[in-house]
């Protein structure tokens, strides 16, 4: 496992790095092959926050990406909580890979997405821009990624159509797939 530890407002001592590496090595039992792990330790400076030590982890497994964020009163406790969360995600990924692809698709062909109301013209600025590499995958693989990262939507390149699609979680528990058509 390739591990990169970063710190923001936290002193990264060699013993802290060793502790993080020892704890994160627990993930190897569920993830076969080479994985890259990025751990960022953050010290929140707001005195009103009790759990001011934050650990954020990203694991690249050669396909799926696992992400988690945990906060605690000290750095080692935050690392422990983070590793436990990533371990559960890795176990879930391992189990799904063993079971194979889904045998049937639920909610296939759901009604078309409703149009959203127009936004008020108050010139709301864009506060964050995020760029990421998209990897061709099937919608089933995108569902797995969406479940692993715990978000409500996932942008991916559909391997079947070569188009950029958005997969989203519906309120009824199913999934919706947005396939843009160029006019």
C-alpha atoms as a PDB file:
ATOM      1  CA  UNK A   1       0.000   0.000   0.000  1.00  0.00           C
ATOM      2  CA  UNK A   2       1.284   3.437  -0.954  1.00  0.00           C
ATOM      3  CA  UNK A   3       0.494   5.938   1.824  1.00  0.00           C
ATOM      4  CA  UNK A   4       0.753   9.721   1.716  1.00  0.00           C
ATOM      5  CA  UNK A   5       0.126  11.623   4.951  1.00  0.00           C
ATOM      6  CA  UNK A   6      -0.502  15.375   4.860  1.00  0.00           C
ATOM      7  CA  UNK A   7      -1.067  17.768   7.709  1.00  0.00           C
ATOM      8  CA  UNK A   8      -2.838  21.082   8.035  1.00  0.00           C
ATOM      9  CA  UNK A   9      -2.478  22.863  11.384  1.00  0.00           C
ATOM     10  CA  UNK A  10      -1.102  19.576  12.778  1.00  0.00           C
ATOM     11  CA  UNK A  11       2.497  18.650  13.518  1.00  0.00           C
ATOM     12  CA  UNK A  12       3.253  15.406  11.660  1.00  0.00           C
ATOM     13  CA  UNK A  13       5.660  13.537  13.884  1.00  0.00           C
ATOM     14  CA  UNK A  14       7.246  10.274  12.711  1.00  0.00           C
ATOM     15  CA  UNK A  15       5.369   8.407  15.461  1.00  0.00           C
ATOM     16  CA  UNK A  16       2.032   9.805  14.202  1.00  0.00           C
ATOM     17  CA  UNK A  17       2.873   8.741  10.643  1.00  0.00           C
ATOM     18  CA  UNK A  18       3.825   5.256  11.882  1.00  0.00           C
ATOM     19  CA  UNK A  19       0.575   5.016  13.842  1.00  0.00           C
ATOM     20  CA  UNK A  20      -1.464   6.003  10.770  1.00  0.00           C
ATOM     21  CA  UNK A  21       0.393   3.500   8.573  1.00  0.00           C
ATOM     22  CA  UNK A  22      -0.102   0.702  11.111  1.00  0.00           C
ATOM     23  CA  UNK A  23      -3.838   1.417  11.443  1.00  0.00           C
ATOM     24  CA  UNK A  24      -4.406   1.839   7.682  1.00  0.00           C
ATOM     25  CA  UNK A  25      -2.634  -1.445   6.916  1.00  0.00           C
ATOM     26  CA  UNK A  26      -5.825  -3.062   8.274  1.00  0.00           C
ATOM     27  CA  UNK A  27      -7.468  -2.211   4.934  1.00  0.00           C
ATOM     28  CA  UNK A  28      -5.154  -4.572   3.020  1.00  0.00           C
ATOM     29  CA  UNK A  29      -7.158  -7.625   4.055  1.00  0.00           C
ATOM     30  CA  UNK A  30     -10.191  -6.453   2.010  1.00  0.00           C
ATOM     31  CA  UNK A  31      -8.413  -4.739  -0.867  1.00  0.00           C
ATOM     32  CA  UNK A  32      -6.386  -6.961  -3.117  1.00  0.00           C
ATOM     33  CA  UNK A  33      -3.724  -5.505  -5.352  1.00  0.00           C
ATOM     34  CA  UNK A  34      -1.963  -2.196  -5.065  1.00  0.00           C
ATOM     35  CA  UNK A  35      -3.814   0.650  -3.438  1.00  0.00           C
ATOM     36  CA  UNK A  36      -2.948   4.274  -2.897  1.00  0.00           C
ATOM     37  CA  UNK A  37      -4.072   5.953   0.307  1.00  0.00           C
ATOM     38  CA  UNK A  38      -4.049   9.669   1.011  1.00  0.00           C
ATOM     39  CA  UNK A  39      -4.584  10.727   4.619  1.00  0.00           C
ATOM     40  CA  UNK A  40      -5.008  14.373   5.545  1.00  0.00           C
ATOM     41  CA  UNK A  41      -4.900  15.342   9.208  1.00  0.00           C
ATOM     42  CA  UNK A  42      -6.456  18.715  10.007  1.00  0.00           C
ATOM     43  CA  UNK A  43      -6.434  20.696  13.227  1.00  0.00           C
ATOM     44  CA  UNK A  44      -9.503  22.930  13.415  1.00  0.00           C
ATOM     45  CA  UNK A  45      -8.667  26.261  15.021  1.00  0.00           C
ATOM     46  CA  UNK A  46     -12.182  27.138  16.167  1.00  0.00           C
ATOM     47  CA  UNK A  47     -12.160  26.835  19.980  1.00  0.00           C
ATOM     48  CA  UNK A  48     -15.904  26.131  20.119  1.00  0.00           C
ATOM     49  CA  UNK A  49     -15.449  22.840  18.246  1.00  0.00           C
ATOM     50  CA  UNK A  50     -14.868  20.004  20.701  1.00  0.00           C
ATOM     51  CA  UNK A  51     -13.838  17.423  18.093  1.00  0.00           C
ATOM     52  CA  UNK A  52     -11.203  19.666  16.540  1.00  0.00           C
ATOM     53  CA  UNK A  53      -8.890  16.982  15.139  1.00  0.00           C
ATOM     54  CA  UNK A  54     -10.089  15.812  11.713  1.00  0.00           C
ATOM     55  CA  UNK A  55      -8.866  12.893   9.625  1.00  0.00           C
ATOM     56  CA  UNK A  56      -9.843  12.678   5.945  1.00  0.00           C
ATOM     57  CA  UNK A  57      -8.945   9.612   3.938  1.00  0.00           C
ATOM     58  CA  UNK A  58      -9.131   8.680   0.260  1.00  0.00           C
ATOM     59  CA  UNK A  59      -8.324   5.177  -0.976  1.00  0.00           C
ATOM     60  CA  UNK A  60      -7.790   4.462  -4.681  1.00  0.00           C
ATOM     61  CA  UNK A  61      -8.211   0.737  -5.323  1.00  0.00           C
ATOM     62  CA  UNK A  62      -7.603   0.608  -9.059  1.00  0.00           C
ATOM     63  CA  UNK A  63     -11.308   0.962  -9.735  1.00  0.00           C
ATOM     64  CA  UNK A  64     -13.362   2.071  -6.783  1.00  0.00           C
ATOM     65  CA  UNK A  65     -12.535   5.114  -4.680  1.00  0.00           C
ATOM     66  CA  UNK A  66     -13.289   5.061  -0.960  1.00  0.00           C
ATOM     67  CA  UNK A  67     -13.605   8.314   0.998  1.00  0.00           C
ATOM     68  CA  UNK A  68     -14.287   9.143   4.628  1.00  0.00           C
ATOM     69  CA  UNK A  69     -13.974  11.995   7.110  1.00  0.00           C
ATOM     70  CA  UNK A  70     -13.994  11.728  10.906  1.00  0.00           C
ATOM     71  CA  UNK A  71     -13.415  14.166  13.755  1.00  0.00           C
ATOM     72  CA  UNK A  72     -12.427  13.521  17.371  1.00  0.00           C
ATOM     73  CA  UNK A  73     -10.828  15.166  20.372  1.00  0.00           C
ATOM     74  CA  UNK A  74      -7.341  13.940  19.425  1.00  0.00           C
ATOM     75  CA  UNK A  75      -5.614  12.962  16.207  1.00  0.00           C
ATOM     76  CA  UNK A  76      -5.162   9.262  16.977  1.00  0.00           C
ATOM     77  CA  UNK A  77      -8.843   8.873  17.882  1.00  0.00           C
ATOM     78  CA  UNK A  78      -9.801  10.564  14.599  1.00  0.00           C
ATOM     79  CA  UNK A  79      -7.522   8.150  12.711  1.00  0.00           C
ATOM     80  CA  UNK A  80      -9.103   5.182  14.505  1.00  0.00           C
ATOM     81  CA  UNK A  81     -12.637   6.333  13.615  1.00  0.00           C
ATOM     82  CA  UNK A  82     -11.579   6.985  10.012  1.00  0.00           C
ATOM     83  CA  UNK A  83      -9.977   3.554   9.626  1.00  0.00           C
ATOM     84  CA  UNK A  84     -13.100   1.871  11.024  1.00  0.00           C
ATOM     85  CA  UNK A  85     -15.286   3.707   8.499  1.00  0.00           C
ATOM     86  CA  UNK A  86     -12.948   2.947   5.574  1.00  0.00           C
ATOM     87  CA  UNK A  87     -12.743  -0.685   6.699  1.00  0.00           C
ATOM     88  CA  UNK A  88     -16.546  -0.989   6.546  1.00  0.00           C
ATOM     89  CA  UNK A  89     -16.532   0.530   3.055  1.00  0.00           C
ATOM     90  CA  UNK A  90     -13.741  -1.817   1.937  1.00  0.00           C
ATOM     91  CA  UNK A  91     -15.632  -4.828   3.350  1.00  0.00           C
ATOM     92  CA  UNK A  92     -18.763  -3.758   1.477  1.00  0.00           C
ATOM     93  CA  UNK A  93     -16.772  -3.365  -1.749  1.00  0.00           C
ATOM     94  CA  UNK A  94     -15.104  -6.752  -1.227  1.00  0.00           C
ATOM     95  CA  UNK A  95     -18.469  -8.466  -0.652  1.00  0.00           C
ATOM     96  CA  UNK A  96     -20.067  -6.846  -3.706  1.00  0.00           C
ATOM     97  CA  UNK A  97     -17.136  -7.817  -5.912  1.00  0.00           C
ATOM     98  CA  UNK A  98     -17.416 -11.424  -4.696  1.00  0.00           C
ATOM     99  CA  UNK A  99     -21.153 -11.554  -5.411  1.00  0.00           C
ATOM    100  CA  UNK A 100     -20.693 -10.229  -8.927  1.00  0.00           C
ATOM    101  CA  UNK A 101     -22.904  -7.878 -10.934  1.00  0.00           C
ATOM    102  CA  UNK A 102     -26.501  -7.273  -9.966  1.00  0.00           C
ATOM    103  CA  UNK A 103     -28.867  -9.933 -11.265  1.00  0.00           C
ATOM    104  CA  UNK A 104     -31.670  -7.506 -11.937  1.00  0.00           C
ATOM    105  CA  UNK A 105     -32.106  -3.790 -12.093  1.00  0.00           C
ATOM    106  CA  UNK A 106     -34.566  -2.153  -9.805  1.00  0.00           C
ATOM    107  CA  UNK A 107     -36.539   0.862 -10.961  1.00  0.00           C
ATOM    108  CA  UNK A 108     -35.340   0.580 -14.547  1.00  0.00           C
ATOM    109  CA  UNK A 109     -37.146   2.997 -16.821  1.00  0.00           C
ATOM    110  CA  UNK A 110     -38.402   5.277 -14.037  1.00  0.00           C
ATOM    111  CA  UNK A 111     -40.424   8.260 -15.138  1.00  0.00           C
ATOM    112  CA  UNK A 112     -38.511  11.133 -16.658  1.00  0.00           C
ATOM    113  CA  UNK A 113     -36.882  13.607 -14.378  1.00  0.00           C
ATOM    114  CA  UNK A 114     -39.015  16.628 -13.549  1.00  0.00           C
ATOM    115  CA  UNK A 115     -37.713  19.982 -14.673  1.00  0.00           C
ATOM    116  CA  UNK A 116     -36.342  22.152 -11.918  1.00  0.00           C
ATOM    117  CA  UNK A 117     -37.788  25.587 -11.252  1.00  0.00           C
ATOM    118  CA  UNK A 118     -35.777  28.504 -12.546  1.00  0.00           C
ATOM    119  CA  UNK A 119     -33.238  29.967 -10.176  1.00  0.00           C
ATOM    120  CA  UNK A 120     -33.755  33.581  -9.151  1.00  0.00           C
ATOM    121  CA  UNK A 121     -31.529  36.008 -11.040  1.00  0.00           C
ATOM    122  CA  UNK A 122     -29.498  37.125  -8.023  1.00  0.00           C
ATOM    123  CA  UNK A 123     -26.120  36.360  -9.631  1.00  0.00           C
ATOM    124  CA  UNK A 124     -25.169  33.722  -7.062  1.00  0.00           C
ATOM    125  CA  UNK A 125     -21.422  33.206  -7.385  1.00  0.00           C
ATOM    126  CA  UNK A 126     -19.869  29.786  -7.836  1.00  0.00           C
ATOM    127  CA  UNK A 127     -18.172  29.090  -4.528  1.00  0.00           C
ATOM    128  CA  UNK A 128     -16.338  25.880  -5.427  1.00  0.00           C
ATOM    129  CA  UNK A 129     -15.103  24.250  -8.605  1.00  0.00           C
ATOM    130  CA  UNK A 130     -14.044  20.625  -8.592  1.00  0.00           C
ATOM    131  CA  UNK A 131     -12.213  18.784 -11.337  1.00  0.00           C
ATOM    132  CA  UNK A 132     -11.728  15.031 -11.461  1.00  0.00           C
ATOM    133  CA  UNK A 133     -10.824  12.335 -13.943  1.00  0.00           C
ATOM    134  CA  UNK A 134     -13.742  10.306 -15.253  1.00  0.00           C
ATOM    135  CA  UNK A 135     -13.203   6.634 -15.914  1.00  0.00           C
ATOM    136  CA  UNK A 136     -15.434   4.707 -18.308  1.00  0.00           C
ATOM    137  CA  UNK A 137     -17.716   2.378 -16.354  1.00  0.00           C
ATOM    138  CA  UNK A 138     -21.108   0.755 -16.611  1.00  0.00           C
ATOM    139  CA  UNK A 139     -24.106   2.184 -14.757  1.00  0.00           C
ATOM    140  CA  UNK A 140     -23.950  -0.810 -12.362  1.00  0.00           C
ATOM    141  CA  UNK A 141     -20.353   0.066 -11.465  1.00  0.00           C
ATOM    142  CA  UNK A 142     -21.425   3.697 -10.999  1.00  0.00           C
ATOM    143  CA  UNK A 143     -24.123   2.582  -8.533  1.00  0.00           C
ATOM    144  CA  UNK A 144     -21.433   0.756  -6.538  1.00  0.00           C
ATOM    145  CA  UNK A 145     -19.232   3.869  -6.536  1.00  0.00           C
ATOM    146  CA  UNK A 146     -22.171   6.039  -5.442  1.00  0.00           C
ATOM    147  CA  UNK A 147     -22.887   3.718  -2.521  1.00  0.00           C
ATOM    148  CA  UNK A 148     -19.220   3.601  -1.507  1.00  0.00           C
ATOM    149  CA  UNK A 149     -18.645   7.340  -1.393  1.00  0.00           C
ATOM    150  CA  UNK A 150     -22.012   8.037   0.237  1.00  0.00           C
ATOM    151  CA  UNK A 151     -23.003  10.956  -1.985  1.00  0.00           C
ATOM    152  CA  UNK A 152     -26.399  11.645  -3.566  1.00  0.00           C
ATOM    153  CA  UNK A 153     -25.060  11.778  -7.123  1.00  0.00           C
ATOM    154  CA  UNK A 154     -22.138  10.492  -9.175  1.00  0.00           C
ATOM    155  CA  UNK A 155     -20.756  11.777 -12.511  1.00  0.00           C
ATOM    156  CA  UNK A 156     -19.157   9.170 -14.766  1.00  0.00           C
ATOM    157  CA  UNK A 157     -18.413   8.288 -18.392  1.00  0.00           C
ATOM    158  CA  UNK A 158     -20.790   5.577 -19.535  1.00  0.00           C
ATOM    159  CA  UNK A 159     -18.723   2.771 -21.090  1.00  0.00           C
ATOM    160  CA  UNK A 160     -21.748   1.662 -23.156  1.00  0.00           C
ATOM    161  CA  UNK A 161     -22.517   5.054 -24.747  1.00  0.00           C
ATOM    162  CA  UNK A 162     -19.225   6.992 -24.219  1.00  0.00           C
ATOM    163  CA  UNK A 163     -21.288   9.904 -22.906  1.00  0.00           C
ATOM    164  CA  UNK A 164     -20.956  11.662 -19.568  1.00  0.00           C
ATOM    165  CA  UNK A 165     -23.857  10.599 -17.320  1.00  0.00           C
ATOM    166  CA  UNK A 166     -25.080  11.527 -13.858  1.00  0.00           C
ATOM    167  CA  UNK A 167     -26.375   8.842 -11.524  1.00  0.00           C
ATOM    168  CA  UNK A 168     -28.472  10.062  -8.602  1.00  0.00           C
ATOM    169  CA  UNK A 169     -30.261   8.585  -5.617  1.00  0.00           C
ATOM    170  CA  UNK A 170     -34.047   9.010  -5.744  1.00  0.00           C
ATOM    171  CA  UNK A 171     -36.209   9.696  -2.703  1.00  0.00           C
ATOM    172  CA  UNK A 172     -37.975   6.342  -3.172  1.00  0.00           C
ATOM    173  CA  UNK A 173     -34.647   4.520  -2.702  1.00  0.00           C
ATOM    174  CA  UNK A 174     -34.041   3.792  -6.395  1.00  0.00           C
ATOM    175  CA  UNK A 175     -31.525   5.381  -8.719  1.00  0.00           C
ATOM    176  CA  UNK A 176     -31.962   7.738 -11.627  1.00  0.00           C
ATOM    177  CA  UNK A 177     -29.647   8.084 -14.613  1.00  0.00           C
ATOM    178  CA  UNK A 178     -29.299  11.345 -16.526  1.00  0.00           C
ATOM    179  CA  UNK A 179     -28.035  10.907 -20.092  1.00  0.00           C
ATOM    180  CA  UNK A 180     -27.573  14.346 -21.703  1.00  0.00           C
ATOM    181  CA  UNK A 181     -28.441  14.676 -25.402  1.00  0.00           C
ATOM    182  CA  UNK A 182     -26.606  17.302 -27.421  1.00  0.00           C
ATOM    183  CA  UNK A 183     -29.027  19.590 -29.281  1.00  0.00           C
END
